[in-house]
Amino acid sequence: KVGVDALRGCVRHCGDVGVKVLTVFAFSSENWSRPADEV
């Protein structure tokens, strides 16, 4: 949840400095093996 806040700030700063594309790794195909409550 706090990571979403960090992403919000990163997106805004990228736009401010002139980055045109931002790609983020949010959930990998391997992350399904994590605890069920986390998934």
PDB file of all heavy atoms in Angstrom:
ATOM      1  N   LYS A   1       0.831  -1.205   0.000  1.00  0.00           N
ATOM      2  CA  LYS A   1       0.000   0.000   0.000  1.00  0.00           C
ATOM      3  C   LYS A   1       0.866   1.255   0.000  1.00  0.00           C
ATOM      4  O   LYS A   1       0.588   2.213  -0.738  1.00  0.00           O
ATOM      5  CB  LYS A   1      -0.929  -0.003   1.223  1.00  0.00           C
ATOM      6  CG  LYS A   1      -2.020  -1.067   1.162  1.00  0.00           C
ATOM      7  CD  LYS A   1      -2.884  -1.039   2.415  1.00  0.00           C
ATOM      8  CE  LYS A   1      -3.976  -2.099   2.333  1.00  0.00           C
ATOM      9  NZ  LYS A   1      -4.804  -2.133   3.577  1.00  0.00           N
ATOM     10  N   VAL A   2       1.921   1.261   0.812  1.00  0.00           N
ATOM     11  CA  VAL A   2       2.830   2.407   0.821  1.00  0.00           C
ATOM     12  C   VAL A   2       3.588   2.480  -0.503  1.00  0.00           C
ATOM     13  O   VAL A   2       3.923   3.562  -0.993  1.00  0.00           O
ATOM     14  CB  VAL A   2       3.800   2.311   2.016  1.00  0.00           C
ATOM     15  CG1 VAL A   2       4.769   3.496   2.028  1.00  0.00           C
ATOM     16  CG2 VAL A   2       3.028   2.274   3.325  1.00  0.00           C
ATOM     17  N   GLY A   3       3.839   1.310  -1.106  1.00  0.00           N
ATOM     18  CA  GLY A   3       4.502   1.276  -2.403  1.00  0.00           C
ATOM     19  C   GLY A   3       3.704   1.976  -3.485  1.00  0.00           C
ATOM     20  O   GLY A   3       4.283   2.558  -4.416  1.00  0.00           O
ATOM     21  N   VAL A   4       2.388   1.941  -3.387  1.00  0.00           N
ATOM     22  CA  VAL A   4       1.542   2.668  -4.344  1.00  0.00           C
ATOM     23  C   VAL A   4       1.793   4.164  -4.218  1.00  0.00           C
ATOM     24  O   VAL A   4       1.859   4.885  -5.225  1.00  0.00           O
ATOM     25  CB  VAL A   4       0.047   2.342  -4.117  1.00  0.00           C
ATOM     26  CG1 VAL A   4      -0.843   3.242  -4.972  1.00  0.00           C
ATOM     27  CG2 VAL A   4      -0.231   0.879  -4.436  1.00  0.00           C
ATOM     28  N   ASP A   5       1.968   4.641  -2.990  1.00  0.00           N
ATOM     29  CA  ASP A   5       2.277   6.065  -2.793  1.00  0.00           C
ATOM     30  C   ASP A   5       3.614   6.420  -3.437  1.00  0.00           C
ATOM     31  O   ASP A   5       3.749   7.485  -4.058  1.00  0.00           O
ATOM     32  CB  ASP A   5       2.323   6.387  -1.300  1.00  0.00           C
ATOM     33  CG  ASP A   5       0.987   6.183  -0.608  1.00  0.00           C
ATOM     34  OD1 ASP A   5      -0.050   6.283  -1.295  1.00  0.00           O
ATOM     35  OD2 ASP A   5       0.980   5.928   0.611  1.00  0.00           O
ATOM     36  N   ALA A   6       4.601   5.521  -3.278  1.00  0.00           N
ATOM     37  CA  ALA A   6       5.912   5.769  -3.887  1.00  0.00           C
ATOM     38  C   ALA A   6       5.811   5.799  -5.405  1.00  0.00           C
ATOM     39  O   ALA A   6       6.458   6.621  -6.070  1.00  0.00           O
ATOM     40  CB  ALA A   6       6.905   4.699  -3.445  1.00  0.00           C
ATOM     41  N   LEU A   7       4.998   4.919  -5.957  1.00  0.00           N
ATOM     42  CA  LEU A   7       4.820   4.895  -7.408  1.00  0.00           C
ATOM     43  C   LEU A   7       4.144   6.172  -7.893  1.00  0.00           C
ATOM     44  O   LEU A   7       4.527   6.730  -8.932  1.00  0.00           O
ATOM     45  CB  LEU A   7       4.000   3.674  -7.821  1.00  0.00           C
ATOM     46  CG  LEU A   7       3.664   3.556  -9.313  1.00  0.00           C
ATOM     47  CD1 LEU A   7       4.933   3.558 -10.168  1.00  0.00           C
ATOM     48  CD2 LEU A   7       2.825   2.306  -9.579  1.00  0.00           C
ATOM     49  N   ARG A   8       3.163   6.644  -7.147  1.00  0.00           N
ATOM     50  CA  ARG A   8       2.492   7.890  -7.521  1.00  0.00           C
ATOM     51  C   ARG A   8       3.491   9.033  -7.624  1.00  0.00           C
ATOM     52  O   ARG A   8       3.501   9.804  -8.589  1.00  0.00           O
ATOM     53  CB  ARG A   8       1.410   8.226  -6.500  1.00  0.00           C
ATOM     54  CG  ARG A   8       0.594   9.458  -6.861  1.00  0.00           C
ATOM     55  CD  ARG A   8      -0.312   9.891  -5.720  1.00  0.00           C
ATOM     56  NE  ARG A   8      -1.178   8.825  -5.253  1.00  0.00           N
ATOM     57  CZ  ARG A   8      -1.093   8.278  -4.038  1.00  0.00           C
ATOM     58  NH1 ARG A   8      -0.180   8.723  -3.173  1.00  0.00           N
ATOM     59  NH2 ARG A   8      -1.917   7.326  -3.683  1.00  0.00           N
ATOM     60  N   GLY A   9       4.377   9.145  -6.634  1.00  0.00           N
ATOM     61  CA  GLY A   9       5.382  10.195  -6.664  1.00  0.00           C
ATOM     62  C   GLY A   9       6.378  10.023  -7.787  1.00  0.00           C
ATOM     63  O   GLY A   9       6.807  11.003  -8.406  1.00  0.00           O
ATOM     64  N   CYS A  10       6.737   8.773  -8.087  1.00  0.00           N
ATOM     65  CA  CYS A  10       7.685   8.497  -9.164  1.00  0.00           C
ATOM     66  C   CYS A  10       7.092   8.867 -10.518  1.00  0.00           C
ATOM     67  O   CYS A  10       7.771   9.474 -11.356  1.00  0.00           O
ATOM     68  CB  CYS A  10       8.076   7.019  -9.126  1.00  0.00           C
ATOM     69  SG  CYS A  10       9.327   6.547 -10.335  1.00  0.00           S
ATOM     70  N   VAL A  11       5.840   8.520 -10.733  1.00  0.00           N
ATOM     71  CA  VAL A  11       5.170   8.854 -11.995  1.00  0.00           C
ATOM     72  C   VAL A  11       5.132  10.364 -12.180  1.00  0.00           C
ATOM     73  O   VAL A  11       5.452  10.889 -13.260  1.00  0.00           O
ATOM     74  CB  VAL A  11       3.742   8.266 -12.020  1.00  0.00           C
ATOM     75  CG1 VAL A  11       2.955   8.806 -13.218  1.00  0.00           C
ATOM     76  CG2 VAL A  11       3.782   6.749 -12.066  1.00  0.00           C
ATOM     77  N   ARG A  12       4.775  11.060 -11.126  1.00  0.00           N
ATOM     78  CA  ARG A  12       4.673  12.529 -11.222  1.00  0.00           C
ATOM     79  C   ARG A  12       6.041  13.148 -11.510  1.00  0.00           C
ATOM     80  O   ARG A  12       6.165  14.045 -12.351  1.00  0.00           O
ATOM     81  CB  ARG A  12       4.093  13.082  -9.930  1.00  0.00           C
ATOM     82  CG  ARG A  12       3.875  14.582  -9.937  1.00  0.00           C
ATOM     83  CD  ARG A  12       2.985  15.016  -8.796  1.00  0.00           C
ATOM     84  NE  ARG A  12       1.627  14.521  -8.974  1.00  0.00           N
ATOM     85  CZ  ARG A  12       0.964  13.814  -8.038  1.00  0.00           C
ATOM     86  NH1 ARG A  12       1.522  13.535  -6.889  1.00  0.00           N
ATOM     87  NH2 ARG A  12      -0.282  13.405  -8.262  1.00  0.00           N
ATOM     88  N   HIS A  13       7.093  12.655 -10.847  1.00  0.00           N
ATOM     89  CA  HIS A  13       8.418  13.232 -11.059  1.00  0.00           C
ATOM     90  C   HIS A  13       8.941  12.911 -12.456  1.00  0.00           C
ATOM     91  O   HIS A  13       9.576  13.761 -13.085  1.00  0.00           O
ATOM     92  CB  HIS A  13       9.385  12.724  -9.996  1.00  0.00           C
ATOM     93  CG  HIS A  13      10.696  13.449  -9.980  1.00  0.00           C
ATOM     94  ND1 HIS A  13      10.793  14.815  -9.820  1.00  0.00           N
ATOM     95  CD2 HIS A  13      11.973  13.003 -10.157  1.00  0.00           C
ATOM     96  CE1 HIS A  13      12.056  15.182  -9.866  1.00  0.00           C
ATOM     97  NE2 HIS A  13      12.801  14.108 -10.079  1.00  0.00           N
ATOM     98  N   CYS A  14       8.666  11.710 -12.937  1.00  0.00           N
ATOM     99  CA  CYS A  14       9.081  11.368 -14.301  1.00  0.00           C
ATOM    100  C   CYS A  14       8.442  12.322 -15.305  1.00  0.00           C
ATOM    101  O   CYS A  14       9.105  12.804 -16.234  1.00  0.00           O
ATOM    102  CB  CYS A  14       8.707   9.920 -14.629  1.00  0.00           C
ATOM    103  SG  CYS A  14       9.830   8.687 -13.953  1.00  0.00           S
ATOM    104  N   GLY A  15       7.165  12.592 -15.116  1.00  0.00           N
ATOM    105  CA  GLY A  15       6.507  13.537 -16.009  1.00  0.00           C
ATOM    106  C   GLY A  15       7.098  14.929 -15.913  1.00  0.00           C
ATOM    107  O   GLY A  15       7.267  15.615 -16.926  1.00  0.00           O
ATOM    108  N   ASP A  16       7.466  15.340 -14.705  1.00  0.00           N
ATOM    109  CA  ASP A  16       8.011  16.682 -14.509  1.00  0.00           C
ATOM    110  C   ASP A  16       9.380  16.859 -15.163  1.00  0.00           C
ATOM    111  O   ASP A  16       9.687  17.947 -15.668  1.00  0.00           O
ATOM    112  CB  ASP A  16       8.121  16.994 -13.016  1.00  0.00           C
ATOM    113  CG  ASP A  16       6.759  17.198 -12.354  1.00  0.00           C
ATOM    114  OD1 ASP A  16       5.768  17.414 -13.083  1.00  0.00           O
ATOM    115  OD2 ASP A  16       6.700  17.129 -11.105  1.00  0.00           O
ATOM    116  N   VAL A  17      10.225  15.817 -15.128  1.00  0.00           N
ATOM    117  CA  VAL A  17      11.594  15.970 -15.647  1.00  0.00           C
ATOM    118  C   VAL A  17      11.700  15.629 -17.127  1.00  0.00           C
ATOM    119  O   VAL A  17      12.747  15.836 -17.733  1.00  0.00           O
ATOM    120  CB  VAL A  17      12.608  15.132 -14.837  1.00  0.00           C
ATOM    121  CG1 VAL A  17      12.593  15.552 -13.385  1.00  0.00           C
ATOM    122  CG2 VAL A  17      12.355  13.636 -14.992  1.00  0.00           C
ATOM    123  N   GLY A  18      10.629  15.063 -17.723  1.00  0.00           N
ATOM    124  CA  GLY A  18      10.650  14.820 -19.161  1.00  0.00           C
ATOM    125  C   GLY A  18      10.829  13.383 -19.593  1.00  0.00           C
ATOM    126  O   GLY A  18      11.021  13.114 -20.787  1.00  0.00           O
ATOM    127  N   VAL A  19      10.763  12.443 -18.657  1.00  0.00           N
ATOM    128  CA  VAL A  19      10.746  11.030 -19.043  1.00  0.00           C
ATOM    129  C   VAL A  19       9.458  10.768 -19.818  1.00  0.00           C
ATOM    130  O   VAL A  19       8.386  11.234 -19.433  1.00  0.00           O
ATOM    131  CB  VAL A  19      10.816  10.122 -17.794  1.00  0.00           C
ATOM    132  CG1 VAL A  19      10.663   8.653 -18.169  1.00  0.00           C
ATOM    133  CG2 VAL A  19      12.127  10.349 -17.046  1.00  0.00           C
ATOM    134  N   LYS A  20       9.550  10.044 -20.914  1.00  0.00           N
ATOM    135  CA  LYS A  20       8.376   9.811 -21.753  1.00  0.00           C
ATOM    136  C   LYS A  20       7.731   8.447 -21.525  1.00  0.00           C
ATOM    137  O   LYS A  20       6.542   8.262 -21.814  1.00  0.00           O
ATOM    138  CB  LYS A  20       8.763   9.950 -23.228  1.00  0.00           C
ATOM    139  CG  LYS A  20       9.180  11.364 -23.614  1.00  0.00           C
ATOM    140  CD  LYS A  20       8.081  12.363 -23.304  1.00  0.00           C
ATOM    141  CE  LYS A  20       8.480  13.774 -23.701  1.00  0.00           C
ATOM    142  NZ  LYS A  20       7.434  14.765 -23.301  1.00  0.00           N
ATOM    143  N   VAL A  21       8.511   7.480 -21.036  1.00  0.00           N
ATOM    144  CA  VAL A  21       7.976   6.139 -20.788  1.00  0.00           C
ATOM    145  C   VAL A  21       8.501   5.650 -19.449  1.00  0.00           C
ATOM    146  O   VAL A  21       9.706   5.710 -19.179  1.00  0.00           O
ATOM    147  CB  VAL A  21       8.386   5.134 -21.890  1.00  0.00           C
ATOM    148  CG1 VAL A  21       7.748   3.771 -21.618  1.00  0.00           C
ATOM    149  CG2 VAL A  21       8.005   5.640 -23.267  1.00  0.00           C
ATOM    150  N   LEU A  22       7.600   5.173 -18.606  1.00  0.00           N
ATOM    151  CA  LEU A  22       7.963   4.550 -17.337  1.00  0.00           C
ATOM    152  C   LEU A  22       7.330   3.164 -17.303  1.00  0.00           C
ATOM    153  O   LEU A  22       6.110   3.031 -17.457  1.00  0.00           O
ATOM    154  CB  LEU A  22       7.476   5.380 -16.152  1.00  0.00           C
ATOM    155  CG  LEU A  22       7.678   4.774 -14.756  1.00  0.00           C
ATOM    156  CD1 LEU A  22       9.165   4.607 -14.439  1.00  0.00           C
ATOM    157  CD2 LEU A  22       6.990   5.622 -13.688  1.00  0.00           C
ATOM    158  N   THR A  23       8.148   2.148 -17.113  1.00  0.00           N
ATOM    159  CA  THR A  23       7.664   0.774 -17.032  1.00  0.00           C
ATOM    160  C   THR A  23       8.012   0.219 -15.661  1.00  0.00           C
ATOM    161  O   THR A  23       9.177   0.283 -15.242  1.00  0.00           O
ATOM    162  CB  THR A  23       8.303  -0.109 -18.116  1.00  0.00           C
ATOM    163  OG1 THR A  23       7.962   0.410 -19.408  1.00  0.00           O
ATOM    164  CG2 THR A  23       7.815  -1.549 -18.016  1.00  0.00           C
ATOM    165  N   VAL A  24       7.020  -0.307 -14.944  1.00  0.00           N
ATOM    166  CA  VAL A  24       7.265  -0.807 -13.589  1.00  0.00           C
ATOM    167  C   VAL A  24       6.829  -2.265 -13.480  1.00  0.00           C
ATOM    168  O   VAL A  24       5.857  -2.695 -14.097  1.00  0.00           O
ATOM    169  CB  VAL A  24       6.541   0.049 -12.531  1.00  0.00           C
ATOM    170  CG1 VAL A  24       7.087   1.471 -12.533  1.00  0.00           C
ATOM    171  CG2 VAL A  24       5.030   0.066 -12.750  1.00  0.00           C
ATOM    172  N   PHE A  25       7.582  -3.007 -12.675  1.00  0.00           N
ATOM    173  CA  PHE A  25       7.317  -4.425 -12.431  1.00  0.00           C
ATOM    174  C   PHE A  25       6.490  -4.515 -11.163  1.00  0.00           C
ATOM    175  O   PHE A  25       7.013  -4.393 -10.051  1.00  0.00           O
ATOM    176  CB  PHE A  25       8.642  -5.157 -12.277  1.00  0.00           C
ATOM    177  CG  PHE A  25       8.601  -6.629 -12.603  1.00  0.00           C
ATOM    178  CD1 PHE A  25       7.469  -7.235 -13.104  1.00  0.00           C
ATOM    179  CD2 PHE A  25       9.734  -7.411 -12.422  1.00  0.00           C
ATOM    180  CE1 PHE A  25       7.446  -8.585 -13.428  1.00  0.00           C
ATOM    181  CE2 PHE A  25       9.737  -8.757 -12.735  1.00  0.00           C
ATOM    182  CZ  PHE A  25       8.589  -9.348 -13.239  1.00  0.00           C
ATOM    183  N   ALA A  26       5.189  -4.737 -11.308  1.00  0.00           N
ATOM    184  CA  ALA A  26       4.285  -4.733 -10.164  1.00  0.00           C
ATOM    185  C   ALA A  26       4.008  -6.125  -9.615  1.00  0.00           C
ATOM    186  O   ALA A  26       3.844  -6.302  -8.400  1.00  0.00           O
ATOM    187  CB  ALA A  26       2.968  -4.056 -10.555  1.00  0.00           C
ATOM    188  N   PHE A  27       3.924  -7.129 -10.492  1.00  0.00           N
ATOM    189  CA  PHE A  27       3.593  -8.494 -10.052  1.00  0.00           C
ATOM    190  C   PHE A  27       4.119  -9.453 -11.107  1.00  0.00           C
ATOM    191  O   PHE A  27       3.705  -9.396 -12.266  1.00  0.00           O
ATOM    192  CB  PHE A  27       2.075  -8.653  -9.909  1.00  0.00           C
ATOM    193  CG  PHE A  27       1.637  -9.958  -9.297  1.00  0.00           C
ATOM    194  CD1 PHE A  27       1.600 -10.117  -7.916  1.00  0.00           C
ATOM    195  CD2 PHE A  27       1.245 -11.019 -10.096  1.00  0.00           C
ATOM    196  CE1 PHE A  27       1.179 -11.315  -7.357  1.00  0.00           C
ATOM    197  CE2 PHE A  27       0.826 -12.218  -9.547  1.00  0.00           C
ATOM    198  CZ  PHE A  27       0.797 -12.370  -8.168  1.00  0.00           C
ATOM    199  N   SER A  28       5.053 -10.306 -10.707  1.00  0.00           N
ATOM    200  CA  SER A  28       5.663 -11.212 -11.676  1.00  0.00           C
ATOM    201  C   SER A  28       4.864 -12.510 -11.770  1.00  0.00           C
ATOM    202  O   SER A  28       4.073 -12.843 -10.880  1.00  0.00           O
ATOM    203  CB  SER A  28       7.109 -11.523 -11.276  1.00  0.00           C
ATOM    204  OG  SER A  28       7.147 -12.473 -10.234  1.00  0.00           O
ATOM    205  N   SER A  29       5.111 -13.260 -12.819  1.00  0.00           N
ATOM    206  CA  SER A  29       4.439 -14.544 -12.993  1.00  0.00           C
ATOM    207  C   SER A  29       4.878 -15.541 -11.930  1.00  0.00           C
ATOM    208  O   SER A  29       4.194 -16.542 -11.687  1.00  0.00           O
ATOM    209  CB  SER A  29       4.718 -15.105 -14.394  1.00  0.00           C
ATOM    210  OG  SER A  29       6.094 -15.075 -14.697  1.00  0.00           O
ATOM    211  N   GLU A  30       6.004 -15.266 -11.244  1.00  0.00           N
ATOM    212  CA  GLU A  30       6.472 -16.128 -10.161  1.00  0.00           C
ATOM    213  C   GLU A  30       5.843 -15.750  -8.818  1.00  0.00           C
ATOM    214  O   GLU A  30       5.917 -16.523  -7.854  1.00  0.00           O
ATOM    215  CB  GLU A  30       7.996 -16.048 -10.040  1.00  0.00           C
ATOM    216  CG  GLU A  30       8.774 -16.732 -11.152  1.00  0.00           C
ATOM    217  CD  GLU A  30       8.853 -15.872 -12.420  1.00  0.00           C
ATOM    218  OE1 GLU A  30       8.699 -14.635 -12.323  1.00  0.00           O
ATOM    219  OE2 GLU A  30       9.058 -16.457 -13.504  1.00  0.00           O
ATOM    220  N   ASN A  31       5.239 -14.568  -8.731  1.00  0.00           N
ATOM    221  CA  ASN A  31       4.703 -14.103  -7.453  1.00  0.00           C
ATOM    222  C   ASN A  31       3.459 -14.861  -6.995  1.00  0.00           C
ATOM    223  O   ASN A  31       3.039 -14.717  -5.834  1.00  0.00           O
ATOM    224  CB  ASN A  31       4.382 -12.606  -7.511  1.00  0.00           C
ATOM    225  CG  ASN A  31       5.612 -11.727  -7.472  1.00  0.00           C
ATOM    226  OD1 ASN A  31       5.573 -10.578  -7.902  1.00  0.00           O
ATOM    227  ND2 ASN A  31       6.726 -12.245  -6.970  1.00  0.00           N
ATOM    228  N   TRP A  32       2.872 -15.673  -7.877  1.00  0.00           N
ATOM    229  CA  TRP A  32       1.725 -16.470  -7.465  1.00  0.00           C
ATOM    230  C   TRP A  32       2.087 -17.451  -6.354  1.00  0.00           C
ATOM    231  O   TRP A  32       1.215 -17.913  -5.616  1.00  0.00           O
ATOM    232  CB  TRP A  32       1.149 -17.247  -8.649  1.00  0.00           C
ATOM    233  CG  TRP A  32       0.505 -16.384  -9.683  1.00  0.00           C
ATOM    234  CD1 TRP A  32       1.011 -16.051 -10.905  1.00  0.00           C
ATOM    235  CD2 TRP A  32      -0.774 -15.739  -9.605  1.00  0.00           C
ATOM    236  NE1 TRP A  32       0.142 -15.229 -11.586  1.00  0.00           N
ATOM    237  CE2 TRP A  32      -0.970 -15.029 -10.816  1.00  0.00           C
ATOM    238  CE3 TRP A  32      -1.764 -15.694  -8.624  1.00  0.00           C
ATOM    239  CZ2 TRP A  32      -2.118 -14.285 -11.067  1.00  0.00           C
ATOM    240  CZ3 TRP A  32      -2.918 -14.950  -8.872  1.00  0.00           C
ATOM    241  CH2 TRP A  32      -3.085 -14.255 -10.078  1.00  0.00           C
ATOM    242  N   SER A  33       3.371 -17.778  -6.210  1.00  0.00           N
ATOM    243  CA  SER A  33       3.810 -18.732  -5.186  1.00  0.00           C
ATOM    244  C   SER A  33       3.940 -18.094  -3.807  1.00  0.00           C
ATOM    245  O   SER A  33       4.247 -18.782  -2.831  1.00  0.00           O
ATOM    246  CB  SER A  33       5.146 -19.369  -5.588  1.00  0.00           C
ATOM    247  OG  SER A  33       6.149 -18.379  -5.738  1.00  0.00           O
ATOM    248  N   ARG A  34       3.722 -16.799  -3.708  1.00  0.00           N
ATOM    249  CA  ARG A  34       3.776 -16.133  -2.410  1.00  0.00           C
ATOM    250  C   ARG A  34       2.568 -16.530  -1.555  1.00  0.00           C
ATOM    251  O   ARG A  34       1.615 -17.137  -2.063  1.00  0.00           O
ATOM    252  CB  ARG A  34       3.822 -14.613  -2.604  1.00  0.00           C
ATOM    253  CG  ARG A  34       5.132 -14.137  -3.214  1.00  0.00           C
ATOM    254  CD  ARG A  34       5.266 -12.645  -3.156  1.00  0.00           C
ATOM    255  NE  ARG A  34       6.598 -12.216  -3.597  1.00  0.00           N
ATOM    256  CZ  ARG A  34       7.046 -10.977  -3.525  1.00  0.00           C
ATOM    257  NH1 ARG A  34       6.256 -10.022  -3.030  1.00  0.00           N
ATOM    258  NH2 ARG A  34       8.259 -10.667  -3.928  1.00  0.00           N
ATOM    259  N   PRO A  35       2.579 -16.213  -0.249  1.00  0.00           N
ATOM    260  CA  PRO A  35       1.436 -16.569   0.603  1.00  0.00           C
ATOM    261  C   PRO A  35       0.110 -16.098   0.019  1.00  0.00           C
ATOM    262  O   PRO A  35       0.025 -15.002  -0.541  1.00  0.00           O
ATOM    263  CB  PRO A  35       1.764 -15.855   1.925  1.00  0.00           C
ATOM    264  CG  PRO A  35       3.264 -15.769   1.946  1.00  0.00           C
ATOM    265  CD  PRO A  35       3.667 -15.555   0.502  1.00  0.00           C
ATOM    266  N   ALA A  36      -0.905 -16.933   0.163  1.00  0.00           N
ATOM    267  CA  ALA A  36      -2.201 -16.659  -0.466  1.00  0.00           C
ATOM    268  C   ALA A  36      -2.790 -15.330  -0.015  1.00  0.00           C
ATOM    269  O   ALA A  36      -3.402 -14.606  -0.818  1.00  0.00           O
ATOM    270  CB  ALA A  36      -3.177 -17.791  -0.167  1.00  0.00           C
ATOM    271  N   ASP A  37      -2.608 -14.997   1.278  1.00  0.00           N
ATOM    272  CA  ASP A  37      -3.191 -13.735   1.747  1.00  0.00           C
ATOM    273  C   ASP A  37      -2.497 -12.530   1.125  1.00  0.00           C
ATOM    274  O   ASP A  37      -3.134 -11.499   0.873  1.00  0.00           O
ATOM    275  CB  ASP A  37      -3.144 -13.649   3.270  1.00  0.00           C
ATOM    276  CG  ASP A  37      -1.741 -13.741   3.838  1.00  0.00           C
ATOM    277  OD1 ASP A  37      -0.830 -14.209   3.125  1.00  0.00           O
ATOM    278  OD2 ASP A  37      -1.548 -13.353   5.007  1.00  0.00           O
ATOM    279  N   GLU A  38      -1.192 -12.659   0.834  1.00  0.00           N
ATOM    280  CA  GLU A  38      -0.484 -11.555   0.190  1.00  0.00           C
ATOM    281  C   GLU A  38      -0.939 -11.405  -1.256  1.00  0.00           C
ATOM    282  O   GLU A  38      -1.155 -10.279  -1.738  1.00  0.00           O
ATOM    283  CB  GLU A  38       1.031 -11.774   0.229  1.00  0.00           C
ATOM    284  CG  GLU A  38       1.808 -10.622  -0.393  1.00  0.00           C
ATOM    285  CD  GLU A  38       3.314 -10.783  -0.298  1.00  0.00           C
ATOM    286  OE1 GLU A  38       3.770 -11.738   0.350  1.00  0.00           O
ATOM    287  OE2 GLU A  38       4.043  -9.935  -0.869  1.00  0.00           O
ATOM    288  N   VAL A  39      -1.116 -12.534  -1.964  1.00  0.00           N
ATOM    289  CA  VAL A  39      -1.557 -12.477  -3.356  1.00  0.00           C
ATOM    290  C   VAL A  39      -2.959 -11.878  -3.445  1.00  0.00           C
ATOM    291  O   VAL A  39      -3.219 -10.992  -4.269  1.00  0.00           O
ATOM    292  CB  VAL A  39      -1.516 -13.872  -4.004  1.00  0.00           C
ATOM    293  CG1 VAL A  39      -2.153 -13.836  -5.397  1.00  0.00           C
ATOM    294  CG2 VAL A  39      -0.081 -14.376  -4.095  1.00  0.00           C
TER     295      VAL A  39
END
